Amino acid sequence: MLVRAAAQLDSLRRNSGVTVILGLEPEPGAALETGTEACNFLEQVLLPVASACNHALDRETVLRHIGLCIDLAHAAVMDESVLHLAAQCRRRNIRIAKLHISAALSFRPLRSALEQLHRLADPIYLHQVRAWRPDGSILAWPDLPDALHDPHLAECTQARVHFHVPLNWQGTDALRPVAGLPSREIVQAALAAGCRHFEVETYTYSVLPSELRPPSPLAAAAAELRKAFHHLRRCCD
């Protein structure tokens, strides 16, 4: 299907002059969890299939229309360096189609943090969890309730949750945001890898506990967009 999509998008480009990029988005717990896995998939799986199909597509055509969508919160949960990933994409000529500006949750599995996290375990969205043991090994759970009911979580020194907290949220004593606004170096590296689309992705206002929920989600979203816009402009100066 990806090969057929690339062929159709290439036909669209030749007929209309419009270049559309389909961005594969790595996510914790998905078939492709990291940007590096997605890059390897493109080179080691998709490109050979594309060259062997009936209407063979070359590397340039495929990678013109199939790229990556990098979510900063997803990368943070997987502890993947977006700066190194962007450099890797540029080196391998894989385009970053879009960068999601988003923040995840980081916490130490202490009692105060776990009590607050129970209030964030909503039934609407998946909140994948990754936690690090003292020996460096990593535990993974598909959703926050699974982690909170596992006694092994308390053995870990640090954990991260795929929960898109607002960019303006400063955190609490027990819970802290991780990722959020990208550094100037990350923005510049993403631009060098072909990225021209930056998107703020905060969609969890409705499931935040009442004390964290903004009075007006619309005003909060507008404030996040303004903050991201001014930050990106400074990064591009």
C-alpha atoms as a PDB file:
ATOM      1  CA  MET A   1       0.000   0.000   0.000  1.00  0.00           C
ATOM      2  CA  LEU A   2       2.864   2.373   0.746  1.00  0.00           C
ATOM      3  CA  VAL A   3       4.399   1.655  -2.657  1.00  0.00           C
ATOM      4  CA  ARG A   4       1.058   2.299  -4.364  1.00  0.00           C
ATOM      5  CA  ALA A   5       0.688   5.506  -2.345  1.00  0.00           C
ATOM      6  CA  ALA A   6       4.133   6.682  -3.433  1.00  0.00           C
ATOM      7  CA  ALA A   7       3.276   5.947  -7.075  1.00  0.00           C
ATOM      8  CA  GLN A   8      -0.022   7.832  -6.873  1.00  0.00           C
ATOM      9  CA  LEU A   9       1.604  10.792  -5.121  1.00  0.00           C
ATOM     10  CA  ASP A  10       4.330  10.901  -7.743  1.00  0.00           C
ATOM     11  CA  SER A  11       1.654  10.954 -10.449  1.00  0.00           C
ATOM     12  CA  LEU A  12      -0.052  13.829  -8.620  1.00  0.00           C
ATOM     13  CA  ARG A  13       3.238  15.720  -8.479  1.00  0.00           C
ATOM     14  CA  ARG A  14       3.885  15.305 -12.194  1.00  0.00           C
ATOM     15  CA  ASN A  15       0.332  16.317 -13.141  1.00  0.00           C
ATOM     16  CA  SER A  16      -0.207  19.184 -10.725  1.00  0.00           C
ATOM     17  CA  GLY A  17       3.203  20.292  -9.468  1.00  0.00           C
ATOM     18  CA  VAL A  18       2.090  19.650  -5.872  1.00  0.00           C
ATOM     19  CA  THR A  19       4.340  17.415  -3.762  1.00  0.00           C
ATOM     20  CA  VAL A  20       2.539  15.508  -0.998  1.00  0.00           C
ATOM     21  CA  ILE A  21       4.521  13.609   1.638  1.00  0.00           C
ATOM     22  CA  LEU A  22       3.099  10.741   3.659  1.00  0.00           C
ATOM     23  CA  GLY A  23       4.773  10.828   7.071  1.00  0.00           C
ATOM     24  CA  LEU A  24       5.049   7.589   9.063  1.00  0.00           C
ATOM     25  CA  GLU A  25       4.795   8.402  12.772  1.00  0.00           C
ATOM     26  CA  PRO A  26       6.716   6.183  15.217  1.00  0.00           C
ATOM     27  CA  GLU A  27       4.955   5.666  18.545  1.00  0.00           C
ATOM     28  CA  PRO A  28       5.691   3.628  21.684  1.00  0.00           C
ATOM     29  CA  GLY A  29       4.087   0.221  21.378  1.00  0.00           C
ATOM     30  CA  ALA A  30       3.502   0.522  17.627  1.00  0.00           C
ATOM     31  CA  ALA A  31       5.107  -1.577  14.883  1.00  0.00           C
ATOM     32  CA  LEU A  32       7.666   1.231  14.515  1.00  0.00           C
ATOM     33  CA  GLU A  33       8.474   2.624  17.957  1.00  0.00           C
ATOM     34  CA  THR A  34      11.387   4.931  17.137  1.00  0.00           C
ATOM     35  CA  GLY A  35      12.552   7.113  14.303  1.00  0.00           C
ATOM     36  CA  THR A  36      15.574   4.882  13.810  1.00  0.00           C
ATOM     37  CA  GLU A  37      13.294   1.858  13.385  1.00  0.00           C
ATOM     38  CA  ALA A  38      11.241   3.826  10.858  1.00  0.00           C
ATOM     39  CA  CYS A  39      14.366   4.805   8.900  1.00  0.00           C
ATOM     40  CA  ASN A  40      15.498   1.180   8.831  1.00  0.00           C
ATOM     41  CA  PHE A  41      12.041   0.085   7.692  1.00  0.00           C
ATOM     42  CA  LEU A  42      12.102   2.554   4.802  1.00  0.00           C
ATOM     43  CA  GLU A  43      15.550   1.504   3.638  1.00  0.00           C
ATOM     44  CA  GLN A  44      15.500  -2.222   4.365  1.00  0.00           C
ATOM     45  CA  VAL A  45      11.861  -3.096   3.648  1.00  0.00           C
ATOM     46  CA  LEU A  46      10.027  -0.451   1.657  1.00  0.00           C
ATOM     47  CA  LEU A  47      12.723   0.465  -0.871  1.00  0.00           C
ATOM     48  CA  PRO A  48      13.455  -3.167  -1.875  1.00  0.00           C
ATOM     49  CA  VAL A  49       9.721  -3.825  -2.276  1.00  0.00           C
ATOM     50  CA  ALA A  50       9.322  -0.664  -4.350  1.00  0.00           C
ATOM     51  CA  SER A  51      12.162  -1.612  -6.687  1.00  0.00           C
ATOM     52  CA  ALA A  52      10.783  -5.136  -7.166  1.00  0.00           C
ATOM     53  CA  CYS A  53       7.147  -4.242  -7.899  1.00  0.00           C
ATOM     54  CA  ASN A  54       5.630  -4.256 -11.376  1.00  0.00           C
ATOM     55  CA  HIS A  55       6.034  -0.510 -11.785  1.00  0.00           C
ATOM     56  CA  ALA A  56       9.401  -0.230 -10.108  1.00  0.00           C
ATOM     57  CA  LEU A  57       9.976   2.975  -8.173  1.00  0.00           C
ATOM     58  CA  ASP A  58      13.481   4.243  -7.549  1.00  0.00           C
ATOM     59  CA  ARG A  59      14.804   5.422  -4.200  1.00  0.00           C
ATOM     60  CA  GLU A  60      14.436   9.107  -5.055  1.00  0.00           C
ATOM     61  CA  THR A  61      10.765   8.747  -5.960  1.00  0.00           C
ATOM     62  CA  VAL A  62       9.856   6.743  -2.861  1.00  0.00           C
ATOM     63  CA  LEU A  63      11.691   9.007  -0.428  1.00  0.00           C
ATOM     64  CA  ARG A  64      10.241  12.097  -2.086  1.00  0.00           C
ATOM     65  CA  HIS A  65       6.777  11.004  -0.975  1.00  0.00           C
ATOM     66  CA  ILE A  66       7.280   8.704   2.040  1.00  0.00           C
ATOM     67  CA  GLY A  67       8.976  10.278   5.053  1.00  0.00           C
ATOM     68  CA  LEU A  68       8.659  10.557   8.816  1.00  0.00           C
ATOM     69  CA  CYS A  69       6.414  12.452  11.195  1.00  0.00           C
ATOM     70  CA  ILE A  70       8.410  12.920  14.405  1.00  0.00           C
ATOM     71  CA  ASP A  71       6.522  13.488  17.650  1.00  0.00           C
ATOM     72  CA  LEU A  72       8.712  14.942  20.396  1.00  0.00           C
ATOM     73  CA  ALA A  73       6.652  13.340  23.173  1.00  0.00           C
ATOM     74  CA  HIS A  74       6.904   9.902  21.545  1.00  0.00           C
ATOM     75  CA  ALA A  75      10.661  10.277  21.172  1.00  0.00           C
ATOM     76  CA  ALA A  76      10.959  11.370  24.804  1.00  0.00           C
ATOM     77  CA  VAL A  77       9.066   8.305  26.052  1.00  0.00           C
ATOM     78  CA  MET A  78      11.389   6.093  23.989  1.00  0.00           C
ATOM     79  CA  ASP A  79      14.418   8.134  25.147  1.00  0.00           C
ATOM     80  CA  GLU A  80      15.396   8.808  21.535  1.00  0.00           C
ATOM     81  CA  SER A  81      17.496  11.851  20.685  1.00  0.00           C
ATOM     82  CA  VAL A  82      15.582  13.864  18.082  1.00  0.00           C
ATOM     83  CA  LEU A  83      18.747  15.809  17.302  1.00  0.00           C
ATOM     84  CA  HIS A  84      20.600  12.616  16.395  1.00  0.00           C
ATOM     85  CA  LEU A  85      17.552  11.289  14.542  1.00  0.00           C
ATOM     86  CA  ALA A  86      17.282  14.430  12.404  1.00  0.00           C
ATOM     87  CA  ALA A  87      20.983  14.183  11.538  1.00  0.00           C
ATOM     88  CA  GLN A  88      20.455  10.523  10.644  1.00  0.00           C
ATOM     89  CA  CYS A  89      17.515  11.403   8.390  1.00  0.00           C
ATOM     90  CA  ARG A  90      19.553  14.018   6.574  1.00  0.00           C
ATOM     91  CA  ARG A  91      22.458  11.592   6.125  1.00  0.00           C
ATOM     92  CA  ARG A  92      20.151   8.861   4.776  1.00  0.00           C
ATOM     93  CA  ASN A  93      18.151  11.324   2.653  1.00  0.00           C
ATOM     94  CA  ILE A  94      14.928  10.508   4.512  1.00  0.00           C
ATOM     95  CA  ARG A  95      12.681  13.515   4.825  1.00  0.00           C
ATOM     96  CA  ILE A  96      11.087  14.653   8.068  1.00  0.00           C
ATOM     97  CA  ALA A  97       7.657  15.563   6.746  1.00  0.00           C
ATOM     98  CA  LYS A  98       6.389  17.010  10.016  1.00  0.00           C
ATOM     99  CA  LEU A  99       7.531  17.660  13.578  1.00  0.00           C
ATOM    100  CA  HIS A 100       4.961  17.407  16.376  1.00  0.00           C
ATOM    101  CA  ILE A 101       5.780  19.865  19.150  1.00  0.00           C
ATOM    102  CA  SER A 102       4.510  18.026  22.200  1.00  0.00           C
ATOM    103  CA  ALA A 103       5.380  17.310  25.822  1.00  0.00           C
ATOM    104  CA  ALA A 104       5.168  13.993  27.677  1.00  0.00           C
ATOM    105  CA  LEU A 105       5.193  13.227  31.408  1.00  0.00           C
ATOM    106  CA  SER A 106       8.241  12.254  33.428  1.00  0.00           C
ATOM    107  CA  PHE A 107       8.169  11.051  37.032  1.00  0.00           C
ATOM    108  CA  ARG A 108       9.948   9.058  39.685  1.00  0.00           C
ATOM    109  CA  PRO A 109       7.763   6.191  40.905  1.00  0.00           C
ATOM    110  CA  LEU A 110       7.234   7.653  44.375  1.00  0.00           C
ATOM    111  CA  ARG A 111       3.950   7.451  46.239  1.00  0.00           C
ATOM    112  CA  SER A 112       3.065  11.092  45.597  1.00  0.00           C
ATOM    113  CA  ALA A 113       3.591  10.662  41.847  1.00  0.00           C
ATOM    114  CA  LEU A 114       1.627   7.425  41.652  1.00  0.00           C
ATOM    115  CA  GLU A 115      -1.326   8.967  43.478  1.00  0.00           C
ATOM    116  CA  GLN A 116      -1.443  11.815  40.946  1.00  0.00           C
ATOM    117  CA  LEU A 117      -1.005   9.464  37.996  1.00  0.00           C
ATOM    118  CA  HIS A 118      -4.106   7.485  38.955  1.00  0.00           C
ATOM    119  CA  ARG A 119      -6.064  10.658  38.170  1.00  0.00           C
ATOM    120  CA  LEU A 120      -4.509  10.815  34.701  1.00  0.00           C
ATOM    121  CA  ALA A 121      -5.373   7.234  33.739  1.00  0.00           C
ATOM    122  CA  ASP A 122      -8.303   8.141  31.501  1.00  0.00           C
ATOM    123  CA  PRO A 123     -10.182   5.520  29.442  1.00  0.00           C
ATOM    124  CA  ILE A 124     -10.101   7.510  26.186  1.00  0.00           C
ATOM    125  CA  TYR A 125      -6.463   7.591  25.091  1.00  0.00           C
ATOM    126  CA  LEU A 126      -3.591   5.118  25.303  1.00  0.00           C
ATOM    127  CA  HIS A 127      -0.812   6.322  27.605  1.00  0.00           C
ATOM    128  CA  GLN A 128       2.116   3.988  26.998  1.00  0.00           C
ATOM    129  CA  VAL A 129       4.722   3.867  29.784  1.00  0.00           C
ATOM    130  CA  ARG A 130       8.465   3.219  29.778  1.00  0.00           C
ATOM    131  CA  ALA A 131      10.429   2.936  33.038  1.00  0.00           C
ATOM    132  CA  TRP A 132      14.103   2.428  33.816  1.00  0.00           C
ATOM    133  CA  ARG A 133      15.402   0.070  36.483  1.00  0.00           C
ATOM    134  CA  PRO A 134      18.625   0.821  38.410  1.00  0.00           C
ATOM    135  CA  ASP A 135      20.503  -1.729  36.253  1.00  0.00           C
ATOM    136  CA  GLY A 136      19.506   0.142  33.088  1.00  0.00           C
ATOM    137  CA  SER A 137      16.916  -2.358  31.893  1.00  0.00           C
ATOM    138  CA  ILE A 138      13.617  -0.962  30.650  1.00  0.00           C
ATOM    139  CA  LEU A 139      10.080  -2.013  31.518  1.00  0.00           C
ATOM    140  CA  ALA A 140       7.210  -1.247  29.145  1.00  0.00           C
ATOM    141  CA  TRP A 141       3.441  -1.164  29.532  1.00  0.00           C
ATOM    142  CA  PRO A 142       0.838  -0.530  26.804  1.00  0.00           C
ATOM    143  CA  ASP A 143      -1.228   1.814  28.988  1.00  0.00           C
ATOM    144  CA  LEU A 144      -0.940   3.751  32.238  1.00  0.00           C
ATOM    145  CA  PRO A 145      -3.346   1.575  34.288  1.00  0.00           C
ATOM    146  CA  ASP A 146      -1.236  -1.478  33.424  1.00  0.00           C
ATOM    147  CA  ALA A 147       1.857   0.224  34.834  1.00  0.00           C
ATOM    148  CA  LEU A 148       0.124   1.534  37.945  1.00  0.00           C
ATOM    149  CA  HIS A 149      -1.114  -1.958  38.856  1.00  0.00           C
ATOM    150  CA  ASP A 150       2.312  -3.555  38.353  1.00  0.00           C
ATOM    151  CA  PRO A 151       4.433  -3.668  41.558  1.00  0.00           C
ATOM    152  CA  HIS A 152       7.602  -3.684  39.437  1.00  0.00           C
ATOM    153  CA  LEU A 153       7.030  -0.009  38.619  1.00  0.00           C
ATOM    154  CA  ALA A 154       8.092   0.906  42.164  1.00  0.00           C
ATOM    155  CA  GLU A 155      11.506  -0.688  41.477  1.00  0.00           C
ATOM    156  CA  CYS A 156      12.296   1.863  38.781  1.00  0.00           C
ATOM    157  CA  THR A 157      14.257   5.078  39.159  1.00  0.00           C
ATOM    158  CA  GLN A 158      12.496   7.013  36.400  1.00  0.00           C
ATOM    159  CA  ALA A 159       9.474   6.622  34.141  1.00  0.00           C
ATOM    160  CA  ARG A 160       7.889   8.445  31.233  1.00  0.00           C
ATOM    161  CA  VAL A 161       4.302   8.420  30.035  1.00  0.00           C
ATOM    162  CA  HIS A 162       2.840   9.136  26.608  1.00  0.00           C
ATOM    163  CA  PHE A 163       0.498  11.792  27.941  1.00  0.00           C
ATOM    164  CA  HIS A 164       0.468  15.002  25.912  1.00  0.00           C
ATOM    165  CA  VAL A 165       0.478  17.666  28.595  1.00  0.00           C
ATOM    166  CA  PRO A 166       0.051  21.346  27.570  1.00  0.00           C
ATOM    167  CA  LEU A 167       3.225  23.168  26.582  1.00  0.00           C
ATOM    168  CA  ASN A 168       2.537  25.854  29.174  1.00  0.00           C
ATOM    169  CA  TRP A 169       2.189  23.368  32.032  1.00  0.00           C
ATOM    170  CA  GLN A 170       5.077  23.698  34.505  1.00  0.00           C
ATOM    171  CA  GLY A 171       4.516  20.391  36.291  1.00  0.00           C
ATOM    172  CA  THR A 172       4.186  19.559  39.989  1.00  0.00           C
ATOM    173  CA  ASP A 173       6.611  18.375  42.641  1.00  0.00           C
ATOM    174  CA  ALA A 174       5.973  14.796  41.540  1.00  0.00           C
ATOM    175  CA  LEU A 175       5.243  15.099  37.816  1.00  0.00           C
ATOM    176  CA  ARG A 176       7.339  16.988  35.278  1.00  0.00           C
ATOM    177  CA  PRO A 177       6.962  17.687  31.557  1.00  0.00           C
ATOM    178  CA  VAL A 178       9.614  16.319  29.209  1.00  0.00           C
ATOM    179  CA  ALA A 179      10.331  17.439  25.605  1.00  0.00           C
ATOM    180  CA  GLY A 180       8.000  20.325  24.744  1.00  0.00           C
ATOM    181  CA  LEU A 181       9.467  23.198  22.739  1.00  0.00           C
ATOM    182  CA  PRO A 182      12.378  21.907  20.653  1.00  0.00           C
ATOM    183  CA  SER A 183      15.819  23.433  21.018  1.00  0.00           C
ATOM    184  CA  ARG A 184      17.243  25.680  18.328  1.00  0.00           C
ATOM    185  CA  GLU A 185      19.573  22.826  17.359  1.00  0.00           C
ATOM    186  CA  ILE A 186      16.666  20.415  16.867  1.00  0.00           C
ATOM    187  CA  VAL A 187      14.704  22.929  14.795  1.00  0.00           C
ATOM    188  CA  GLN A 188      17.704  23.628  12.576  1.00  0.00           C
ATOM    189  CA  ALA A 189      18.435  19.916  12.185  1.00  0.00           C
ATOM    190  CA  ALA A 190      14.791  19.211  11.280  1.00  0.00           C
ATOM    191  CA  LEU A 191      14.852  21.992   8.688  1.00  0.00           C
ATOM    192  CA  ALA A 192      18.039  20.518   7.226  1.00  0.00           C
ATOM    193  CA  ALA A 193      16.196  17.179   6.954  1.00  0.00           C
ATOM    194  CA  GLY A 194      13.468  18.814   4.868  1.00  0.00           C
ATOM    195  CA  CYS A 195      10.894  19.612   7.558  1.00  0.00           C
ATOM    196  CA  ARG A 196       8.616  22.557   6.746  1.00  0.00           C
ATOM    197  CA  HIS A 197       5.595  21.604   8.850  1.00  0.00           C
ATOM    198  CA  PHE A 198       5.613  22.105  12.614  1.00  0.00           C
ATOM    199  CA  GLU A 199       2.452  21.222  14.518  1.00  0.00           C
ATOM    200  CA  VAL A 200       1.472  21.688  18.153  1.00  0.00           C
ATOM    201  CA  GLU A 201      -0.208  18.499  19.330  1.00  0.00           C
ATOM    202  CA  THR A 202      -1.986  18.863  22.659  1.00  0.00           C
ATOM    203  CA  TYR A 203      -5.331  17.101  22.746  1.00  0.00           C
ATOM    204  CA  THR A 204      -5.698  16.068  26.386  1.00  0.00           C
ATOM    205  CA  TYR A 205      -7.398  19.146  27.882  1.00  0.00           C
ATOM    206  CA  SER A 206     -10.654  17.261  28.406  1.00  0.00           C
ATOM    207  CA  VAL A 207      -9.046  14.426  30.406  1.00  0.00           C
ATOM    208  CA  LEU A 208      -6.795  16.514  32.643  1.00  0.00           C
ATOM    209  CA  PRO A 209      -7.711  16.605  36.364  1.00  0.00           C
ATOM    210  CA  SER A 210      -9.808  19.636  37.226  1.00  0.00           C
ATOM    211  CA  GLU A 211      -6.930  21.492  38.923  1.00  0.00           C
ATOM    212  CA  LEU A 212      -4.791  21.166  35.766  1.00  0.00           C
ATOM    213  CA  ARG A 213      -7.539  21.789  33.214  1.00  0.00           C
ATOM    214  CA  PRO A 214      -7.517  25.294  31.704  1.00  0.00           C
ATOM    215  CA  PRO A 215     -10.742  27.329  32.046  1.00  0.00           C
ATOM    216  CA  SER A 216     -10.865  27.695  28.279  1.00  0.00           C
ATOM    217  CA  PRO A 217      -9.297  24.975  26.086  1.00  0.00           C
ATOM    218  CA  LEU A 218      -9.627  27.317  23.102  1.00  0.00           C
ATOM    219  CA  ALA A 219      -7.657  30.067  24.833  1.00  0.00           C
ATOM    220  CA  ALA A 220      -5.108  27.528  26.055  1.00  0.00           C
ATOM    221  CA  ALA A 221      -4.618  26.135  22.545  1.00  0.00           C
ATOM    222  CA  ALA A 222      -4.199  29.658  21.157  1.00  0.00           C
ATOM    223  CA  ALA A 223      -1.600  30.414  23.845  1.00  0.00           C
ATOM    224  CA  GLU A 224       0.329  27.249  22.946  1.00  0.00           C
ATOM    225  CA  LEU A 225       0.294  28.145  19.259  1.00  0.00           C
ATOM    226  CA  ARG A 226       1.553  31.671  19.985  1.00  0.00           C
ATOM    227  CA  LYS A 227       4.289  30.307  22.227  1.00  0.00           C
ATOM    228  CA  ALA A 228       5.406  27.770  19.623  1.00  0.00           C
ATOM    229  CA  PHE A 229       5.259  30.331  16.803  1.00  0.00           C
ATOM    230  CA  HIS A 230       7.469  32.852  18.592  1.00  0.00           C
ATOM    231  CA  HIS A 231       9.857  30.106  19.687  1.00  0.00           C
ATOM    232  CA  LEU A 232      10.235  28.746  16.146  1.00  0.00           C
ATOM    233  CA  ARG A 233      10.755  32.253  14.774  1.00  0.00           C
ATOM    234  CA  ARG A 234      13.593  32.810  17.254  1.00  0.00           C
ATOM    235  CA  CYS A 235      15.101  29.447  16.302  1.00  0.00           C
ATOM    236  CA  CYS A 236      15.066  30.409  12.624  1.00  0.00           C
ATOM    237  CA  ASP A 237      16.584  33.893  13.042  1.00  0.00           C
END
